[in-house]
Amino acid sequence: MAAPHLVWLPFAAEDLGDPPDGLQIETYEGGEPPGSVERVEFFVPSYDIGLDVSVLLPRMRNLRVVQTQTAGVDNVEPYVPAGVTLCNARGVHDASTAELAMGLVLASLRGIPDFALAQTDGRWLHGVRPALADRSVLIVGYGSIGAALERRLDGFECEIVRVARRARDGVHGWQDLPGLLGSADVVVLMVPLDDSTRRLVDDGFLARMKDGALLVNVARGGVVDTEALVAECATGRLTAAVDVTDPEPLPPEHPLWTTPGVLVSPHVGGATSAMKPRVTRLVEEQLVRFAAGTPLANVVGAGRS
């Protein structure tokens, strides 16, 4: 009888309901790995991006699949061994990330952080603030999360402009992005971090943005040149709301914390109550495919040699 395929999950097997036969499931959330590390074939890393996969993955000599809990795989992909299939969590964080992007847009435009600070002093901070209504929102990186954001924007009486790597019906191609920046009141970043998007938002990108525009980053911190963003927002010409930063975590002394017009949230786009049921459902479906030898979903590549 063949030995069962060893699966490491960051949660208990009971969370999956009824895993398929032929699998041995162990829980590993981090720390010094047990001796069975060399037998692992299917690995789901913890959601904690502090897990050092660069050291762990090479020890998994029988590894066949890495299934992340994140949509972005930039912190894992460089360390996936040759021939190992890498899958992301596309779809898991659509709702949560779109909710946060929506919240950052409204909080920034309507001045919610200022009201919260004024409340601690008992100050009645009355004034006129920008509305989302009648504004143009440019979604940069229009995929499943971008579509989820659009569904939440529906009803706010704003214009939505979409940009993706490849043009399609109703979606502009990448080459159109520079020409669209000057007419957008809100620019929302939802691109993956790779060589083509690293520091996409540099001083030139920011200079093309409309006076008074808001930049929202729920992608990855490395997509934005942080120094350029601080310099531009410090003038008051632009504002920003960022859930991700470069560096991350953002050091207490970093100037981004105190730059006027900047709202920072601590990379919490996917960290909600909606995550666990969605990620366990994805993993359960993937393990059914894995046990049956059928193609996996959400494949984003294979390990490099």
C-alpha atoms as a PDB file:
ATOM      1  CA  MET A   1       0.000   0.000   0.000  1.00  0.00           C
ATOM      2  CA  ALA A   2       1.417   3.376  -1.011  1.00  0.00           C
ATOM      3  CA  ALA A   3       2.336   5.817   1.745  1.00  0.00           C
ATOM      4  CA  PRO A   4      -0.061   8.754   2.110  1.00  0.00           C
ATOM      5  CA  HIS A   5       0.920  12.117   0.637  1.00  0.00           C
ATOM      6  CA  LEU A   6       2.036  14.449   3.424  1.00  0.00           C
ATOM      7  CA  VAL A   7       0.265  17.821   3.560  1.00  0.00           C
ATOM      8  CA  TRP A   8       1.269  20.689   5.843  1.00  0.00           C
ATOM      9  CA  LEU A   9      -1.435  23.212   6.669  1.00  0.00           C
ATOM     10  CA  PRO A  10      -1.346  26.251   8.984  1.00  0.00           C
ATOM     11  CA  PHE A  11      -4.614  25.106  10.563  1.00  0.00           C
ATOM     12  CA  ALA A  12      -6.142  21.862  11.803  1.00  0.00           C
ATOM     13  CA  ALA A  13      -7.388  19.221   9.381  1.00  0.00           C
ATOM     14  CA  GLU A  14     -10.787  19.364  11.099  1.00  0.00           C
ATOM     15  CA  ASP A  15     -11.282  22.845   9.612  1.00  0.00           C
ATOM     16  CA  LEU A  16     -11.483  21.264   6.158  1.00  0.00           C
ATOM     17  CA  GLY A  17     -14.490  19.085   6.848  1.00  0.00           C
ATOM     18  CA  ASP A  18     -13.766  15.773   5.114  1.00  0.00           C
ATOM     19  CA  PRO A  19     -10.329  15.703   3.431  1.00  0.00           C
ATOM     20  CA  PRO A  20      -9.865  13.139   0.648  1.00  0.00           C
ATOM     21  CA  ASP A  21      -8.324   9.737   1.319  1.00  0.00           C
ATOM     22  CA  GLY A  22      -4.634   9.167   0.677  1.00  0.00           C
ATOM     23  CA  LEU A  23      -3.472  12.302   2.477  1.00  0.00           C
ATOM     24  CA  GLN A  24      -1.680  12.657   5.791  1.00  0.00           C
ATOM     25  CA  ILE A  25      -2.385  16.133   7.118  1.00  0.00           C
ATOM     26  CA  GLU A  26      -0.203  17.836   9.718  1.00  0.00           C
ATOM     27  CA  THR A  27      -0.442  21.329  11.176  1.00  0.00           C
ATOM     28  CA  TYR A  28       2.593  23.602  10.842  1.00  0.00           C
ATOM     29  CA  GLU A  29       2.313  27.295  11.661  1.00  0.00           C
ATOM     30  CA  GLY A  30       5.991  28.210  11.891  1.00  0.00           C
ATOM     31  CA  GLY A  31       9.043  27.754  14.038  1.00  0.00           C
ATOM     32  CA  GLU A  32      11.517  24.876  13.876  1.00  0.00           C
ATOM     33  CA  PRO A  33       9.993  22.287  11.514  1.00  0.00           C
ATOM     34  CA  PRO A  34       9.626  18.654  12.615  1.00  0.00           C
ATOM     35  CA  GLY A  35      11.599  15.830  10.988  1.00  0.00           C
ATOM     36  CA  SER A  36       8.771  15.140   8.539  1.00  0.00           C
ATOM     37  CA  VAL A  37       9.689  18.312   6.627  1.00  0.00           C
ATOM     38  CA  GLU A  38      11.514  16.252   3.987  1.00  0.00           C
ATOM     39  CA  ARG A  39       8.348  14.275   3.174  1.00  0.00           C
ATOM     40  CA  VAL A  40       6.013  17.237   2.638  1.00  0.00           C
ATOM     41  CA  GLU A  41       4.396  17.205  -0.824  1.00  0.00           C
ATOM     42  CA  PHE A  42       1.689  19.860  -0.470  1.00  0.00           C
ATOM     43  CA  PHE A  43       2.450  22.953   1.611  1.00  0.00           C
ATOM     44  CA  VAL A  44       0.247  25.869   2.647  1.00  0.00           C
ATOM     45  CA  PRO A  45       2.436  28.521   4.342  1.00  0.00           C
ATOM     46  CA  SER A  46       1.018  30.536   7.203  1.00  0.00           C
ATOM     47  CA  TYR A  47      -0.480  33.917   6.392  1.00  0.00           C
ATOM     48  CA  ASP A  48       2.290  35.567   8.398  1.00  0.00           C
ATOM     49  CA  ILE A  49       4.622  37.050   5.791  1.00  0.00           C
ATOM     50  CA  GLY A  50       7.429  36.786   8.356  1.00  0.00           C
ATOM     51  CA  LEU A  51       7.735  33.023   7.732  1.00  0.00           C
ATOM     52  CA  ASP A  52      11.190  32.448   6.207  1.00  0.00           C
ATOM     53  CA  VAL A  53      10.307  30.305   3.218  1.00  0.00           C
ATOM     54  CA  SER A  54      13.784  30.850   1.772  1.00  0.00           C
ATOM     55  CA  VAL A  55      15.126  28.480   4.430  1.00  0.00           C
ATOM     56  CA  LEU A  56      12.124  26.182   4.766  1.00  0.00           C
ATOM     57  CA  LEU A  57      11.267  25.328   1.157  1.00  0.00           C
ATOM     58  CA  PRO A  58      14.690  23.871   0.208  1.00  0.00           C
ATOM     59  CA  ARG A  59      14.308  21.369   3.072  1.00  0.00           C
ATOM     60  CA  MET A  60      11.108  20.002   1.532  1.00  0.00           C
ATOM     61  CA  ARG A  61      12.787  17.512  -0.801  1.00  0.00           C
ATOM     62  CA  ASN A  62       9.518  15.877  -1.952  1.00  0.00           C
ATOM     63  CA  LEU A  63       7.576  19.111  -2.365  1.00  0.00           C
ATOM     64  CA  ARG A  64       5.168  19.202  -5.306  1.00  0.00           C
ATOM     65  CA  VAL A  65       2.771  22.091  -4.545  1.00  0.00           C
ATOM     66  CA  VAL A  66       2.924  25.384  -2.645  1.00  0.00           C
ATOM     67  CA  GLN A  67      -0.507  26.932  -2.093  1.00  0.00           C
ATOM     68  CA  THR A  68      -0.309  30.450  -0.667  1.00  0.00           C
ATOM     69  CA  GLN A  69      -3.034  32.141   1.341  1.00  0.00           C
ATOM     70  CA  THR A  70      -2.293  35.420  -0.413  1.00  0.00           C
ATOM     71  CA  ALA A  71      -3.171  36.687  -3.867  1.00  0.00           C
ATOM     72  CA  GLY A  72       0.343  38.091  -4.274  1.00  0.00           C
ATOM     73  CA  VAL A  73       3.209  35.599  -4.332  1.00  0.00           C
ATOM     74  CA  ASP A  74       6.207  37.943  -4.578  1.00  0.00           C
ATOM     75  CA  ASN A  75       7.469  36.925  -1.119  1.00  0.00           C
ATOM     76  CA  VAL A  76       7.331  33.198  -1.976  1.00  0.00           C
ATOM     77  CA  GLU A  77       7.905  32.765  -5.705  1.00  0.00           C
ATOM     78  CA  PRO A  78      11.691  33.381  -5.741  1.00  0.00           C
ATOM     79  CA  TYR A  79      12.216  30.465  -3.319  1.00  0.00           C
ATOM     80  CA  VAL A  80       9.959  27.808  -4.847  1.00  0.00           C
ATOM     81  CA  PRO A  81      12.190  24.917  -6.003  1.00  0.00           C
ATOM     82  CA  ALA A  82      12.351  23.888  -9.644  1.00  0.00           C
ATOM     83  CA  GLY A  83       9.427  21.759 -10.780  1.00  0.00           C
ATOM     84  CA  VAL A  84       7.184  22.699  -7.840  1.00  0.00           C
ATOM     85  CA  THR A  85       3.770  24.132  -8.722  1.00  0.00           C
ATOM     86  CA  LEU A  86       2.912  27.476  -7.136  1.00  0.00           C
ATOM     87  CA  CYS A  87      -0.743  28.433  -6.625  1.00  0.00           C
ATOM     88  CA  ASN A  88      -2.104  31.662  -5.187  1.00  0.00           C
ATOM     89  CA  ALA A  89      -5.296  32.505  -3.321  1.00  0.00           C
ATOM     90  CA  ARG A  90      -7.032  34.364  -6.114  1.00  0.00           C
ATOM     91  CA  GLY A  91     -10.601  35.086  -5.049  1.00  0.00           C
ATOM     92  CA  VAL A  92     -10.049  34.587  -1.318  1.00  0.00           C
ATOM     93  CA  HIS A  93      -9.351  38.241  -0.531  1.00  0.00           C
ATOM     94  CA  ASP A  94     -11.497  39.941  -3.159  1.00  0.00           C
ATOM     95  CA  ALA A  95     -14.249  41.009  -0.773  1.00  0.00           C
ATOM     96  CA  SER A  96     -11.995  42.038   2.123  1.00  0.00           C
ATOM     97  CA  THR A  97      -9.489  43.972   0.026  1.00  0.00           C
ATOM     98  CA  ALA A  98     -12.227  45.715  -1.946  1.00  0.00           C
ATOM     99  CA  GLU A  99     -13.941  46.663   1.324  1.00  0.00           C
ATOM    100  CA  LEU A 100     -10.751  48.192   2.668  1.00  0.00           C
ATOM    101  CA  ALA A 101     -10.047  50.049  -0.581  1.00  0.00           C
ATOM    102  CA  MET A 102     -13.580  51.435  -0.447  1.00  0.00           C
ATOM    103  CA  GLY A 103     -13.090  52.449   3.179  1.00  0.00           C
ATOM    104  CA  LEU A 104      -9.752  54.138   2.484  1.00  0.00           C
ATOM    105  CA  VAL A 105     -11.254  56.123  -0.380  1.00  0.00           C
ATOM    106  CA  LEU A 106     -14.196  57.368   1.683  1.00  0.00           C
ATOM    107  CA  ALA A 107     -12.146  57.994   4.829  1.00  0.00           C
ATOM    108  CA  SER A 108      -9.578  60.020   2.919  1.00  0.00           C
ATOM    109  CA  LEU A 109     -12.011  62.063   0.876  1.00  0.00           C
ATOM    110  CA  ARG A 110     -14.390  62.798   3.745  1.00  0.00           C
ATOM    111  CA  GLY A 111     -11.658  63.425   6.339  1.00  0.00           C
ATOM    112  CA  ILE A 112     -12.608  60.674   8.794  1.00  0.00           C
ATOM    113  CA  PRO A 113      -9.098  60.487  10.358  1.00  0.00           C
ATOM    114  CA  ASP A 114      -9.236  64.234  11.074  1.00  0.00           C
ATOM    115  CA  PHE A 115     -12.613  63.837  12.759  1.00  0.00           C
ATOM    116  CA  ALA A 116     -11.293  60.973  14.913  1.00  0.00           C
ATOM    117  CA  LEU A 117      -8.338  63.057  16.043  1.00  0.00           C
ATOM    118  CA  ALA A 118     -10.533  66.092  16.712  1.00  0.00           C
ATOM    119  CA  GLN A 119     -12.878  63.969  18.828  1.00  0.00           C
ATOM    120  CA  THR A 120     -10.088  63.201  21.293  1.00  0.00           C
ATOM    121  CA  ASP A 121      -9.825  66.960  21.933  1.00  0.00           C
ATOM    122  CA  GLY A 122     -13.560  67.652  21.834  1.00  0.00           C
ATOM    123  CA  ARG A 123     -13.187  69.855  18.738  1.00  0.00           C
ATOM    124  CA  TRP A 124     -16.084  70.397  16.321  1.00  0.00           C
ATOM    125  CA  LEU A 125     -14.139  70.193  13.051  1.00  0.00           C
ATOM    126  CA  HIS A 126     -16.733  71.456  10.609  1.00  0.00           C
ATOM    127  CA  GLY A 127     -15.802  72.055   6.964  1.00  0.00           C
ATOM    128  CA  VAL A 128     -16.398  71.155   3.324  1.00  0.00           C
ATOM    129  CA  ARG A 129     -14.817  67.905   2.106  1.00  0.00           C
ATOM    130  CA  PRO A 130     -14.572  66.280  -1.341  1.00  0.00           C
ATOM    131  CA  ALA A 131     -17.330  63.827  -2.267  1.00  0.00           C
ATOM    132  CA  LEU A 132     -16.875  60.593  -4.189  1.00  0.00           C
ATOM    133  CA  ALA A 133     -19.955  61.465  -6.228  1.00  0.00           C
ATOM    134  CA  ASP A 134     -19.157  62.975  -9.634  1.00  0.00           C
ATOM    135  CA  ARG A 135     -15.516  61.845  -9.365  1.00  0.00           C
ATOM    136  CA  SER A 136     -13.479  59.588 -11.625  1.00  0.00           C
ATOM    137  CA  VAL A 137     -11.926  56.433 -10.108  1.00  0.00           C
ATOM    138  CA  LEU A 138      -9.091  54.770 -12.017  1.00  0.00           C
ATOM    139  CA  ILE A 139      -8.518  51.122 -11.070  1.00  0.00           C
ATOM    140  CA  VAL A 140      -4.946  50.162 -11.996  1.00  0.00           C
ATOM    141  CA  GLY A 141      -4.698  46.373 -12.265  1.00  0.00           C
ATOM    142  CA  TYR A 142      -8.289  45.418 -13.019  1.00  0.00           C
ATOM    143  CA  GLY A 143      -8.662  41.777 -12.020  1.00  0.00           C
ATOM    144  CA  SER A 144     -10.969  39.947  -9.640  1.00  0.00           C
ATOM    145  CA  ILE A 145     -10.275  42.370  -6.754  1.00  0.00           C
ATOM    146  CA  GLY A 146     -10.758  45.329  -9.081  1.00  0.00           C
ATOM    147  CA  ALA A 147     -14.096  43.895 -10.163  1.00  0.00           C
ATOM    148  CA  ALA A 148     -15.057  43.468  -6.510  1.00  0.00           C
ATOM    149  CA  LEU A 149     -14.191  47.109  -5.866  1.00  0.00           C
ATOM    150  CA  GLU A 150     -16.259  48.186  -8.855  1.00  0.00           C
ATOM    151  CA  ARG A 151     -19.278  46.355  -7.430  1.00  0.00           C
ATOM    152  CA  ARG A 152     -18.867  48.306  -4.205  1.00  0.00           C
ATOM    153  CA  LEU A 153     -18.415  51.596  -6.047  1.00  0.00           C
ATOM    154  CA  ASP A 154     -21.672  51.000  -7.887  1.00  0.00           C
ATOM    155  CA  GLY A 155     -24.197  53.424  -6.435  1.00  0.00           C
ATOM    156  CA  PHE A 156     -21.701  56.103  -5.437  1.00  0.00           C
ATOM    157  CA  GLU A 157     -22.393  58.011  -8.655  1.00  0.00           C
ATOM    158  CA  CYS A 158     -18.768  58.033  -9.801  1.00  0.00           C
ATOM    159  CA  GLU A 159     -17.122  57.212 -13.110  1.00  0.00           C
ATOM    160  CA  ILE A 160     -14.992  54.059 -13.152  1.00  0.00           C
ATOM    161  CA  VAL A 161     -12.036  53.646 -15.512  1.00  0.00           C
ATOM    162  CA  ARG A 162     -10.268  50.279 -15.727  1.00  0.00           C
ATOM    163  CA  VAL A 163      -6.687  49.448 -16.699  1.00  0.00           C
ATOM    164  CA  ALA A 164      -5.106  45.997 -17.000  1.00  0.00           C
ATOM    165  CA  ARG A 165      -2.021  44.546 -18.641  1.00  0.00           C
ATOM    166  CA  ARG A 166      -4.031  43.573 -21.705  1.00  0.00           C
ATOM    167  CA  ALA A 167      -6.861  45.590 -23.176  1.00  0.00           C
ATOM    168  CA  ARG A 168     -10.285  44.003 -23.418  1.00  0.00           C
ATOM    169  CA  ASP A 169     -13.858  45.168 -23.720  1.00  0.00           C
ATOM    170  CA  GLY A 170     -14.319  48.049 -21.269  1.00  0.00           C
ATOM    171  CA  VAL A 171     -10.740  47.797 -19.962  1.00  0.00           C
ATOM    172  CA  HIS A 172      -7.813  49.898 -21.155  1.00  0.00           C
ATOM    173  CA  GLY A 173      -4.446  48.313 -21.830  1.00  0.00           C
ATOM    174  CA  TRP A 174      -1.265  49.124 -19.926  1.00  0.00           C
ATOM    175  CA  GLN A 175      -0.084  51.469 -22.647  1.00  0.00           C
ATOM    176  CA  ASP A 176      -3.027  53.816 -21.951  1.00  0.00           C
ATOM    177  CA  LEU A 177      -2.189  54.345 -18.279  1.00  0.00           C
ATOM    178  CA  PRO A 178      -0.001  57.488 -18.589  1.00  0.00           C
ATOM    179  CA  GLY A 179      -2.681  59.295 -20.557  1.00  0.00           C
ATOM    180  CA  LEU A 180      -5.433  58.414 -18.073  1.00  0.00           C
ATOM    181  CA  LEU A 181      -3.734  59.632 -14.909  1.00  0.00           C
ATOM    182  CA  GLY A 182      -4.374  63.308 -15.532  1.00  0.00           C
ATOM    183  CA  SER A 183      -8.165  62.952 -15.492  1.00  0.00           C
ATOM    184  CA  ALA A 184      -8.585  60.608 -12.486  1.00  0.00           C
ATOM    185  CA  ASP A 185      -9.649  61.984  -9.109  1.00  0.00           C
ATOM    186  CA  VAL A 186      -8.880  58.679  -7.362  1.00  0.00           C
ATOM    187  CA  VAL A 187      -6.230  56.170  -8.483  1.00  0.00           C
ATOM    188  CA  VAL A 188      -6.454  52.719  -6.856  1.00  0.00           C
ATOM    189  CA  LEU A 189      -3.473  50.364  -7.214  1.00  0.00           C
ATOM    190  CA  MET A 190      -4.300  46.646  -7.403  1.00  0.00           C
ATOM    191  CA  VAL A 191      -1.383  45.240  -9.404  1.00  0.00           C
ATOM    192  CA  PRO A 192       0.857  42.335  -8.361  1.00  0.00           C
ATOM    193  CA  LEU A 193       4.455  43.142  -7.509  1.00  0.00           C
ATOM    194  CA  ASP A 194       6.886  41.963 -10.165  1.00  0.00           C
ATOM    195  CA  ASP A 195       9.695  43.398 -12.246  1.00  0.00           C
ATOM    196  CA  SER A 196       7.257  45.342 -14.424  1.00  0.00           C
ATOM    197  CA  THR A 197       5.405  46.986 -11.521  1.00  0.00           C
ATOM    198  CA  ARG A 198       8.174  47.578  -9.005  1.00  0.00           C
ATOM    199  CA  ARG A 199       8.190  51.343  -8.361  1.00  0.00           C
ATOM    200  CA  LEU A 200       5.593  51.789 -11.082  1.00  0.00           C
ATOM    201  CA  VAL A 201       4.432  54.821  -9.120  1.00  0.00           C
ATOM    202  CA  ASP A 202       7.524  56.996  -9.335  1.00  0.00           C
ATOM    203  CA  ASP A 203       7.907  60.761  -9.481  1.00  0.00           C
ATOM    204  CA  GLY A 204       6.880  60.742 -13.149  1.00  0.00           C
ATOM    205  CA  PHE A 205       3.698  58.768 -12.433  1.00  0.00           C
ATOM    206  CA  LEU A 206       2.797  61.075  -9.559  1.00  0.00           C
ATOM    207  CA  ALA A 207       3.529  64.206 -11.630  1.00  0.00           C
ATOM    208  CA  ARG A 208       0.986  63.030 -14.224  1.00  0.00           C
ATOM    209  CA  MET A 209      -1.752  62.721 -11.615  1.00  0.00           C
ATOM    210  CA  LYS A 210      -4.388  65.416 -11.398  1.00  0.00           C
ATOM    211  CA  ASP A 211      -4.001  68.201  -8.814  1.00  0.00           C
ATOM    212  CA  GLY A 212      -5.901  67.186  -5.678  1.00  0.00           C
ATOM    213  CA  ALA A 213      -6.081  63.514  -6.662  1.00  0.00           C
ATOM    214  CA  LEU A 214      -6.005  60.653  -4.145  1.00  0.00           C
ATOM    215  CA  LEU A 215      -3.689  57.648  -4.543  1.00  0.00           C
ATOM    216  CA  VAL A 216      -4.835  54.422  -2.837  1.00  0.00           C
ATOM    217  CA  ASN A 217      -2.438  51.471  -2.611  1.00  0.00           C
ATOM    218  CA  VAL A 218      -3.834  48.051  -1.664  1.00  0.00           C
ATOM    219  CA  ALA A 219      -1.361  46.211  -3.890  1.00  0.00           C
ATOM    220  CA  ARG A 220       2.198  45.928  -2.537  1.00  0.00           C
ATOM    221  CA  GLY A 221       4.431  48.562  -0.989  1.00  0.00           C
ATOM    222  CA  GLY A 222       7.119  48.058  -3.613  1.00  0.00           C
ATOM    223  CA  VAL A 223       4.768  49.258  -6.356  1.00  0.00           C
ATOM    224  CA  VAL A 224       5.260  52.811  -5.045  1.00  0.00           C
ATOM    225  CA  ASP A 225       8.456  54.830  -4.702  1.00  0.00           C
ATOM    226  CA  THR A 226       7.919  55.850  -1.081  1.00  0.00           C
ATOM    227  CA  GLU A 227      10.300  58.794  -1.154  1.00  0.00           C
ATOM    228  CA  ALA A 228       8.596  60.194  -4.243  1.00  0.00           C
ATOM    229  CA  LEU A 229       5.176  59.792  -2.595  1.00  0.00           C
ATOM    230  CA  VAL A 230       6.291  61.570   0.574  1.00  0.00           C
ATOM    231  CA  ALA A 231       7.764  64.425  -1.460  1.00  0.00           C
ATOM    232  CA  GLU A 232       4.617  64.870  -3.567  1.00  0.00           C
ATOM    233  CA  CYS A 233       2.136  64.659  -0.692  1.00  0.00           C
ATOM    234  CA  ALA A 234       4.231  67.003   1.444  1.00  0.00           C
ATOM    235  CA  THR A 235       3.462  69.778  -1.049  1.00  0.00           C
ATOM    236  CA  GLY A 236      -0.271  69.241  -0.580  1.00  0.00           C
ATOM    237  CA  ARG A 237      -0.850  68.616  -4.293  1.00  0.00           C
ATOM    238  CA  LEU A 238      -1.825  64.959  -3.790  1.00  0.00           C
ATOM    239  CA  THR A 239      -3.186  62.845  -0.950  1.00  0.00           C
ATOM    240  CA  ALA A 240      -2.703  59.124  -0.348  1.00  0.00           C
ATOM    241  CA  ALA A 241      -4.144  56.172   1.551  1.00  0.00           C
ATOM    242  CA  VAL A 242      -1.912  53.112   1.730  1.00  0.00           C
ATOM    243  CA  ASP A 243      -2.465  49.683   3.255  1.00  0.00           C
ATOM    244  CA  VAL A 244       0.975  48.524   2.125  1.00  0.00           C
ATOM    245  CA  THR A 245       4.302  50.300   2.424  1.00  0.00           C
ATOM    246  CA  ASP A 246       7.956  50.041   1.500  1.00  0.00           C
ATOM    247  CA  PRO A 247       9.555  49.291   3.922  1.00  0.00           C
ATOM    248  CA  GLU A 248       7.098  47.111   5.829  1.00  0.00           C
ATOM    249  CA  PRO A 249       6.359  47.193   8.670  1.00  0.00           C
ATOM    250  CA  LEU A 250       6.788  50.949   8.484  1.00  0.00           C
ATOM    251  CA  PRO A 251       9.323  52.061  11.140  1.00  0.00           C
ATOM    252  CA  PRO A 252       7.947  54.491  13.767  1.00  0.00           C
ATOM    253  CA  GLU A 253      10.326  57.224  12.648  1.00  0.00           C
ATOM    254  CA  HIS A 254       9.461  56.982   8.953  1.00  0.00           C
ATOM    255  CA  PRO A 255       8.287  60.312   7.469  1.00  0.00           C
ATOM    256  CA  LEU A 256       5.301  58.680   5.740  1.00  0.00           C
ATOM    257  CA  TRP A 257       3.531  58.491   9.124  1.00  0.00           C
ATOM    258  CA  THR A 258       3.499  62.269   9.480  1.00  0.00           C
ATOM    259  CA  THR A 259       3.232  63.396   5.869  1.00  0.00           C
ATOM    260  CA  PRO A 260       0.168  65.664   5.466  1.00  0.00           C
ATOM    261  CA  GLY A 261      -2.731  64.057   3.635  1.00  0.00           C
ATOM    262  CA  VAL A 262      -1.487  60.478   4.062  1.00  0.00           C
ATOM    263  CA  LEU A 263      -3.545  57.739   5.728  1.00  0.00           C
ATOM    264  CA  VAL A 264      -1.699  54.509   6.615  1.00  0.00           C
ATOM    265  CA  SER A 265      -3.295  51.179   7.523  1.00  0.00           C
ATOM    266  CA  PRO A 266      -1.029  48.254   8.567  1.00  0.00           C
ATOM    267  CA  HIS A 267      -1.469  45.767   5.679  1.00  0.00           C
ATOM    268  CA  VAL A 268      -4.871  44.512   6.778  1.00  0.00           C
ATOM    269  CA  GLY A 269      -6.562  44.210   3.380  1.00  0.00           C
ATOM    270  CA  GLY A 270      -7.158  40.476   3.712  1.00  0.00           C
ATOM    271  CA  ALA A 271      -7.110  40.119   7.493  1.00  0.00           C
ATOM    272  CA  THR A 272     -10.834  39.882   8.246  1.00  0.00           C
ATOM    273  CA  SER A 273     -13.396  37.323   9.372  1.00  0.00           C
ATOM    274  CA  ALA A 274     -14.131  36.625   5.696  1.00  0.00           C
ATOM    275  CA  MET A 275     -10.680  35.114   5.106  1.00  0.00           C
ATOM    276  CA  LYS A 276     -10.790  31.833   7.053  1.00  0.00           C
ATOM    277  CA  PRO A 277     -13.889  30.266   5.455  1.00  0.00           C
ATOM    278  CA  ARG A 278     -12.735  31.260   1.983  1.00  0.00           C
ATOM    279  CA  VAL A 279      -9.166  30.038   2.355  1.00  0.00           C
ATOM    280  CA  THR A 280     -10.200  26.727   3.892  1.00  0.00           C
ATOM    281  CA  ARG A 281     -12.684  26.193   1.075  1.00  0.00           C
ATOM    282  CA  LEU A 282      -9.955  26.867  -1.504  1.00  0.00           C
ATOM    283  CA  VAL A 283      -7.491  24.511   0.210  1.00  0.00           C
ATOM    284  CA  GLU A 284     -10.112  21.768   0.503  1.00  0.00           C
ATOM    285  CA  GLU A 285     -10.897  22.044  -3.205  1.00  0.00           C
ATOM    286  CA  GLN A 286      -7.195  22.029  -4.080  1.00  0.00           C
ATOM    287  CA  LEU A 287      -6.542  18.924  -1.983  1.00  0.00           C
ATOM    288  CA  VAL A 288      -9.371  17.105  -3.755  1.00  0.00           C
ATOM    289  CA  ARG A 289      -7.712  17.930  -7.068  1.00  0.00           C
ATOM    290  CA  PHE A 290      -4.275  17.001  -5.750  1.00  0.00           C
ATOM    291  CA  ALA A 291      -5.422  13.627  -4.427  1.00  0.00           C
ATOM    292  CA  ALA A 292      -7.211  12.863  -7.700  1.00  0.00           C
ATOM    293  CA  GLY A 293      -4.285  13.964  -9.851  1.00  0.00           C
ATOM    294  CA  THR A 294      -6.385  16.556 -11.690  1.00  0.00           C
ATOM    295  CA  PRO A 295      -5.180  20.079 -12.609  1.00  0.00           C
ATOM    296  CA  LEU A 296      -4.986  22.544  -9.744  1.00  0.00           C
ATOM    297  CA  ALA A 297      -6.674  25.945  -9.734  1.00  0.00           C
ATOM    298  CA  ASN A 298      -4.931  29.321  -9.411  1.00  0.00           C
ATOM    299  CA  VAL A 299      -1.613  28.097 -10.805  1.00  0.00           C
ATOM    300  CA  VAL A 300       0.713  31.082 -11.209  1.00  0.00           C
ATOM    301  CA  GLY A 301       3.884  29.258 -12.145  1.00  0.00           C
ATOM    302  CA  ALA A 302       6.448  26.633 -11.306  1.00  0.00           C
ATOM    303  CA  GLY A 303       9.637  26.903  -9.354  1.00  0.00           C
ATOM    304  CA  ARG A 304      12.764  28.220 -10.978  1.00  0.00           C
ATOM    305  CA  SER A 305      15.816  26.104 -11.607  1.00  0.00           C
END
